Amino acid sequence: MSTVIDVHTHMMSRPYIERLEEHGGPKYTVEAVAGGQQAIHLDGAPFTTLYDEMFDYERRIENMDRAGVDVSIVSLTCPNVFWGGREVSLDTARHINDDMSRAQKAYPDRIRWLATLPWQYADDARTELERALDLGAVGVMVLANIAGADLTAEQFAPVWTAIDRHGLPVLLHPTAPQGLEAAHMTQFALVASTGFMADTTLALSRMIFDGFFDRYPKLKIIGGHGGATLPFIIGRLDRCFDTIPACRQKIQRRPSSYARQIYVDSVVYQQSSLALDLEVFGDDNVLYGSDYPHNIGDMVGCLSRVDSLAEHARLKVRGRNAQRIFKL
């Protein structure tokens, strides 16, 4: 069988959680949730449940073996390092990058990793990007909003320019969206089920309308969770572009024409959703991902849906697309 590469999968470290507890408050806290687990909370709303597997590379390798996954490209999950001030954010990013670099050295055939950057501080982020690449990072992780700021904000342009110069893949991962309290997302775990999808969809849609993919043509954005709802609403974006002048302020072609410049993972839970991703983005732009070890992560299920595809698409999604864009 062909190589399976997981592009959406996460690891943390215990010191990271300790730093978050010390410096993340009052916005971010670590508290118990129903079932006895600890979870990271944003303004009182839980959005990242903590599991032992998030801190254990040996157990990860065992679970990869059981699921039939050959290589994991690990990244830090939300809330990343977007808290604690400049010194803490940079120091924590360096800690995570060092930790993941050590894991790659310990498991050189199984682990690759995405750089964590203190995006709020552009000069520090660019310096840490170069250091992380020297350590072996194969791409970058970013959240769909950075402490409430849009990814297309001018303050992040120097970081995007540096990433584009290297032509790197960037996993765009959701976090708790802006306005979660106003939308009453503190109930029913709505942040995880729908808030994350809104966060990613808004970020990708804003990038399209803002001309992001024209400004940065060499980098490769990977929209987490199958691109969220973007594949379902891309036709609506086109219709708005055709009929609403505000949608044509910064781009001259229909939003759907940018779809082949966007990559997405296979972290979806319906075969029809995966089929829609392939239809919208193309079989060269869909990559296997699992979201392991989050509670809704599913190495086995996500791979089984990929393996149900026709052979020409299956081989690309399992690993060939990732080998190409990550240069593995």
Protein backbone atom coordinates (compact mmCIF):
# COMPACT_ATOMS: atom_id res chain seq x y z
CA MET A 1 0.00 0.00 0.00
CA SER A 2 1.03 3.61 -0.48
CA THR A 3 2.46 5.82 2.24
CA VAL A 4 -0.08 7.49 4.55
CA ILE A 5 0.83 10.99 5.76
CA ASP A 6 -1.29 12.72 8.40
CA VAL A 7 -1.10 16.50 7.92
CA HIS A 8 -3.57 17.49 10.65
CA THR A 9 -2.56 15.99 13.98
CA HIS A 10 -1.45 17.60 17.21
CA MET A 11 0.96 17.38 20.12
CA MET A 12 1.56 19.51 23.20
CA SER A 13 3.91 19.37 26.16
CA ARG A 14 3.34 19.53 29.90
CA PRO A 15 5.49 22.68 30.21
CA TYR A 16 3.26 24.31 27.59
CA ILE A 17 0.19 23.70 29.76
CA GLU A 18 2.04 24.97 32.83
CA ARG A 19 2.97 28.17 30.98
CA LEU A 20 -0.60 28.64 29.82
CA GLU A 21 -1.90 28.23 33.36
CA GLU A 22 0.66 30.74 34.65
CA HIS A 23 0.43 33.38 31.94
CA GLY A 24 -2.79 32.79 29.99
CA GLY A 25 -5.31 34.14 32.48
CA PRO A 26 -7.82 35.55 32.87
CA LYS A 27 -8.69 34.95 29.20
CA TYR A 28 -7.39 31.37 29.07
CA THR A 29 -7.76 28.95 31.97
CA VAL A 30 -7.41 25.20 32.45
CA GLU A 31 -10.39 23.75 34.29
CA ALA A 32 -12.21 20.47 34.80
CA VAL A 33 -15.14 19.59 32.51
CA ALA A 34 -17.86 16.95 32.64
CA GLY A 35 -16.34 13.48 32.66
CA GLY A 36 -13.38 14.50 34.78
CA GLN A 37 -11.07 15.70 32.01
CA GLN A 38 -9.19 18.98 32.07
CA ALA A 39 -9.88 21.44 29.26
CA ILE A 40 -8.53 24.76 28.08
CA HIS A 41 -11.23 27.43 28.40
CA LEU A 42 -11.60 30.78 26.66
CA ASP A 43 -13.56 33.27 28.74
CA GLY A 44 -15.15 30.36 30.58
CA ALA A 45 -16.04 28.30 27.50
CA PRO A 46 -14.19 24.96 27.07
CA PHE A 47 -12.72 24.39 23.62
CA THR A 48 -9.70 22.05 23.93
CA THR A 49 -10.00 18.94 26.09
CA LEU A 50 -6.67 17.56 27.29
CA TYR A 51 -5.80 13.88 26.86
CA ASP A 52 -2.70 11.93 27.85
CA GLU A 53 -2.08 11.08 24.19
CA MET A 54 -1.37 14.76 23.51
CA PHE A 55 1.87 14.46 25.50
CA ASP A 56 3.06 10.93 24.64
CA TYR A 57 4.93 10.32 21.39
CA GLU A 58 5.47 6.64 22.12
CA ARG A 59 1.73 6.08 22.41
CA ARG A 60 1.25 8.13 19.23
CA ILE A 61 3.54 5.81 17.28
CA GLU A 62 1.65 2.78 18.62
CA ASN A 63 -1.67 4.28 17.55
CA MET A 64 -0.27 5.20 14.14
CA ASP A 65 0.83 1.60 13.69
CA ARG A 66 -2.64 0.33 14.59
CA ALA A 67 -4.33 2.78 12.22
CA GLY A 68 -1.92 2.27 9.35
CA VAL A 69 -0.50 5.80 9.38
CA ASP A 70 3.15 6.05 8.34
CA VAL A 71 4.06 9.69 9.01
CA SER A 72 2.49 12.35 11.23
CA ILE A 73 3.15 16.04 10.60
CA VAL A 74 2.45 17.28 14.12
CA SER A 75 1.50 20.79 15.16
CA LEU A 76 0.44 22.66 18.26
CA THR A 77 -3.30 23.16 18.55
CA CYS A 78 -5.24 26.18 19.84
CA PRO A 79 -4.77 28.51 21.63
CA ASN A 80 -1.24 28.20 20.30
CA VAL A 81 1.04 30.90 21.80
CA PHE A 82 -1.21 33.91 21.30
CA TRP A 83 -1.21 34.94 24.96
CA GLY A 84 1.15 36.00 27.73
CA GLY A 85 2.90 38.98 26.14
CA ARG A 86 5.88 39.18 23.83
CA GLU A 87 8.52 37.44 25.92
CA VAL A 88 6.27 34.57 26.99
CA SER A 89 4.82 34.05 23.52
CA LEU A 90 8.24 33.89 21.85
CA ASP A 91 9.74 31.70 24.56
CA THR A 92 6.81 29.29 24.41
CA ALA A 93 7.01 29.09 20.61
CA ARG A 94 10.71 28.27 20.89
CA HIS A 95 9.95 25.61 23.49
CA ILE A 96 7.33 23.92 21.28
CA ASN A 97 9.56 24.02 18.20
CA ASP A 98 12.46 22.56 20.15
CA ASP A 99 10.22 19.84 21.59
CA MET A 100 8.87 18.83 18.16
CA SER A 101 12.35 18.91 16.67
CA ARG A 102 13.47 16.47 19.37
CA ALA A 103 10.53 14.21 18.56
CA GLN A 104 11.48 14.16 14.89
CA LYS A 105 15.02 13.18 15.82
CA ALA A 106 13.69 10.43 18.08
CA TYR A 107 11.35 9.09 15.36
CA PRO A 108 12.98 10.24 12.10
CA ASP A 109 10.87 8.00 9.86
CA ARG A 110 7.55 8.78 11.54
CA ILE A 111 7.43 12.42 12.73
CA ARG A 112 7.58 15.74 10.93
CA TRP A 113 6.31 19.04 12.34
CA LEU A 114 4.92 22.50 11.69
CA ALA A 115 6.50 25.61 13.17
CA THR A 116 4.76 27.51 15.96
CA LEU A 117 5.23 31.28 15.67
CA PRO A 118 4.45 34.27 17.91
CA TRP A 119 2.38 35.84 15.12
CA GLN A 120 1.40 38.88 17.23
CA TYR A 121 5.02 40.08 17.06
CA ALA A 122 6.02 40.05 13.40
CA ASP A 123 9.77 40.53 13.84
CA ASP A 124 9.97 37.74 16.40
CA ALA A 125 7.77 35.51 14.24
CA ARG A 126 10.02 35.92 11.21
CA THR A 127 13.14 35.21 13.25
CA GLU A 128 11.57 32.12 14.82
CA LEU A 129 10.40 30.92 11.40
CA GLU A 130 13.98 30.81 10.15
CA ARG A 131 15.18 29.09 13.33
CA ALA A 132 12.39 26.50 13.11
CA LEU A 133 13.19 25.76 9.48
CA ASP A 134 16.81 25.20 10.45
CA LEU A 135 15.55 22.76 13.10
CA GLY A 136 13.60 20.80 10.50
CA ALA A 137 10.09 22.29 10.36
CA VAL A 138 8.33 21.46 7.07
CA GLY A 139 5.63 24.12 7.30
CA VAL A 140 3.78 26.47 9.62
CA MET A 141 0.72 26.33 11.87
CA VAL A 142 -1.63 29.29 12.21
CA LEU A 143 -5.02 29.72 13.84
CA ALA A 144 -7.97 31.16 11.91
CA ASN A 145 -7.86 34.27 14.07
CA ILE A 146 -4.92 35.51 16.11
CA ALA A 147 -6.14 36.76 19.46
CA GLY A 148 -9.21 38.10 17.66
CA ALA A 149 -7.31 39.68 14.74
CA ASP A 150 -8.02 38.65 11.14
CA LEU A 151 -5.25 36.80 9.30
CA THR A 152 -5.39 39.38 6.52
CA ALA A 153 -4.61 42.24 8.94
CA GLU A 154 -1.65 44.38 7.88
CA GLN A 155 0.28 43.51 11.04
CA PHE A 156 0.76 39.95 9.80
CA ALA A 157 1.87 40.85 6.27
CA PRO A 158 5.62 40.58 7.06
CA VAL A 159 5.13 37.04 8.36
CA TRP A 160 3.09 35.99 5.34
CA THR A 161 5.71 37.50 3.05
CA ALA A 162 8.44 35.43 4.71
CA ILE A 163 6.37 32.25 4.50
CA ASP A 164 5.52 32.93 0.85
CA ARG A 165 9.20 33.48 0.04
CA HIS A 166 9.86 29.92 1.24
CA GLY A 167 6.73 28.56 -0.50
CA LEU A 168 5.67 26.74 2.67
CA PRO A 169 2.49 24.83 3.49
CA VAL A 170 0.46 26.45 6.28
CA LEU A 171 -2.15 24.53 8.26
CA LEU A 172 -4.98 26.96 8.97
CA HIS A 173 -6.64 25.61 12.10
CA PRO A 174 -9.67 27.02 13.90
CA THR A 175 -9.78 28.35 17.40
CA ALA A 176 -12.63 29.80 19.41
CA PRO A 177 -14.21 32.34 17.05
CA GLN A 178 -14.66 36.02 17.71
CA GLY A 179 -17.97 36.76 19.39
CA LEU A 180 -18.52 33.34 20.91
CA GLU A 181 -20.30 34.81 23.96
CA ALA A 182 -22.68 36.89 21.84
CA ALA A 183 -23.48 33.75 19.84
CA HIS A 184 -24.09 31.77 23.07
CA MET A 185 -21.48 29.17 22.15
CA THR A 186 -20.73 28.38 25.75
CA GLN A 187 -23.64 25.90 25.67
CA PHE A 188 -23.64 22.36 24.27
CA ALA A 189 -19.97 22.44 23.20
CA LEU A 190 -21.02 24.62 20.27
CA VAL A 191 -17.49 25.98 19.92
CA ALA A 192 -16.26 22.54 18.84
CA SER A 193 -19.23 21.54 16.68
CA THR A 194 -20.02 24.78 14.87
CA GLY A 195 -17.80 27.60 16.17
CA PHE A 196 -14.62 26.08 14.79
CA MET A 197 -16.29 25.67 11.39
CA ALA A 198 -17.40 29.30 11.39
CA ASP A 199 -13.89 30.43 12.33
CA THR A 200 -12.22 28.57 9.45
CA THR A 201 -14.90 29.48 6.92
CA LEU A 202 -14.66 33.19 7.75
CA ALA A 203 -10.87 33.14 7.55
CA LEU A 204 -10.75 31.40 4.16
CA SER A 205 -13.57 33.49 2.69
CA ARG A 206 -11.94 36.71 3.88
CA MET A 207 -8.62 35.62 2.36
CA ILE A 208 -10.30 35.06 -1.00
CA PHE A 209 -12.15 38.38 -1.08
CA ASP A 210 -9.14 40.29 0.27
CA GLY A 211 -6.87 39.13 -2.56
CA PHE A 212 -4.64 37.12 -0.23
CA PHE A 213 -4.03 34.37 -2.77
CA ASP A 214 -2.98 36.94 -5.36
CA ARG A 215 -0.51 38.57 -2.96
CA TYR A 216 1.00 35.29 -1.74
CA PRO A 217 0.93 32.86 -4.67
CA LYS A 218 3.68 30.50 -3.51
CA LEU A 219 2.55 29.49 -0.02
CA LYS A 220 0.03 26.69 0.38
CA ILE A 221 -2.89 27.19 2.76
CA ILE A 222 -4.39 23.95 4.11
CA GLY A 223 -7.90 24.60 5.42
CA GLY A 224 -8.49 22.38 8.43
CA HIS A 225 -11.54 20.12 8.75
CA GLY A 226 -12.10 19.83 5.03
CA GLY A 227 -12.12 23.60 4.59
CA ALA A 228 -15.05 23.80 7.04
CA THR A 229 -18.18 24.98 5.18
CA LEU A 230 -16.34 26.69 2.32
CA PRO A 231 -16.87 23.82 -0.16
CA PHE A 232 -20.60 23.91 0.55
CA ILE A 233 -20.97 27.69 0.13
CA ILE A 234 -18.42 28.44 -2.61
CA GLY A 235 -21.25 28.91 -5.09
CA ARG A 236 -22.81 31.47 -2.78
CA LEU A 237 -19.51 33.37 -2.70
CA ASP A 238 -19.57 33.41 -6.49
CA ARG A 239 -23.14 34.69 -6.55
CA CYS A 240 -22.27 37.47 -4.12
CA PHE A 241 -19.23 38.37 -6.22
CA ASP A 242 -21.46 38.60 -9.31
CA THR A 243 -24.12 40.77 -7.67
CA ILE A 244 -22.56 42.76 -4.81
CA PRO A 245 -19.91 45.39 -5.64
CA ALA A 246 -18.32 45.16 -2.18
CA CYS A 247 -17.22 41.63 -3.02
CA ARG A 248 -15.23 42.89 -6.00
CA GLN A 249 -13.16 45.53 -4.21
CA LYS A 250 -9.92 43.53 -4.20
CA ILE A 251 -10.36 40.63 -6.62
CA GLN A 252 -11.23 40.50 -10.30
CA ARG A 253 -12.29 36.87 -10.65
CA ARG A 254 -14.89 34.66 -9.03
CA PRO A 255 -14.09 33.17 -5.62
CA SER A 256 -14.44 29.60 -6.88
CA SER A 257 -11.51 30.21 -9.23
CA TYR A 258 -9.26 30.37 -6.16
CA ALA A 259 -10.31 26.92 -4.96
CA ARG A 260 -7.44 25.20 -6.76
CA GLN A 261 -5.04 27.43 -4.81
CA ILE A 262 -6.42 26.10 -1.52
CA TYR A 263 -5.63 22.75 0.06
CA VAL A 264 -7.85 20.97 2.58
CA ASP A 265 -7.53 17.95 4.83
CA SER A 266 -9.82 14.93 5.13
CA VAL A 267 -10.99 15.60 8.69
CA VAL A 268 -14.65 15.22 7.79
CA TYR A 269 -17.08 12.63 9.07
CA GLN A 270 -19.22 11.87 6.01
CA GLN A 271 -18.15 10.29 2.74
CA SER A 272 -20.26 12.86 0.89
CA SER A 273 -18.32 15.69 2.54
CA LEU A 274 -15.02 14.22 1.36
CA ALA A 275 -16.48 13.83 -2.14
CA LEU A 276 -17.49 17.51 -2.13
CA ASP A 277 -13.97 18.52 -1.11
CA LEU A 278 -12.59 16.60 -4.07
CA GLU A 279 -15.14 18.19 -6.40
CA VAL A 280 -14.43 21.76 -5.25
CA PHE A 281 -10.67 21.71 -4.60
CA GLY A 282 -9.54 18.88 -6.86
CA ASP A 283 -7.87 15.58 -6.04
CA ASP A 284 -4.42 17.22 -6.09
CA ASN A 285 -5.42 19.48 -3.19
CA VAL A 286 -6.95 17.12 -0.61
CA LEU A 287 -4.69 15.57 2.04
CA TYR A 288 -5.25 12.93 4.69
CA GLY A 289 -5.68 14.27 8.22
CA SER A 290 -7.05 12.80 11.44
CA ASP A 291 -7.19 15.52 14.14
CA TYR A 292 -5.69 12.94 16.52
CA PRO A 293 -5.56 13.06 19.54
CA HIS A 294 -8.51 15.41 20.05
CA ASN A 295 -11.69 13.78 21.33
CA ILE A 296 -13.27 13.99 17.87
CA GLY A 297 -10.06 12.96 16.12
CA ASP A 298 -10.31 9.74 14.14
CA MET A 299 -7.25 8.24 12.47
CA VAL A 300 -9.06 5.06 11.49
CA GLY A 301 -12.33 6.60 10.34
CA CYS A 302 -10.76 9.41 8.32
CA LEU A 303 -8.45 6.92 6.60
CA SER A 304 -11.30 4.50 5.84
CA ARG A 305 -13.17 7.26 4.03
CA VAL A 306 -10.05 8.13 2.04
CA ASP A 307 -9.56 4.46 1.20
CA SER A 308 -13.11 4.32 -0.17
CA LEU A 309 -12.18 6.75 -2.94
CA ALA A 310 -11.37 5.72 -6.48
CA GLU A 311 -7.74 4.62 -6.81
CA HIS A 312 -6.41 7.72 -8.61
CA ALA A 313 -7.75 9.98 -5.84
CA ARG A 314 -7.05 7.58 -2.98
CA LEU A 315 -3.32 7.38 -3.63
CA LYS A 316 -3.01 11.17 -3.87
CA VAL A 317 -4.97 11.86 -0.68
CA ARG A 318 -3.31 9.09 1.35
CA GLY A 319 0.12 10.62 0.92
CA ARG A 320 1.28 11.63 -2.54
CA ASN A 321 -0.13 15.15 -2.30
CA ALA A 322 1.53 15.66 1.08
CA GLN A 323 4.83 14.30 -0.23
CA ARG A 324 4.66 16.88 -3.02
CA ILE A 325 3.76 20.01 -1.09
CA PHE A 326 5.85 19.23 2.01
CA LYS A 327 8.77 17.99 -0.12
CA LEU A 328 9.00 14.72 1.82
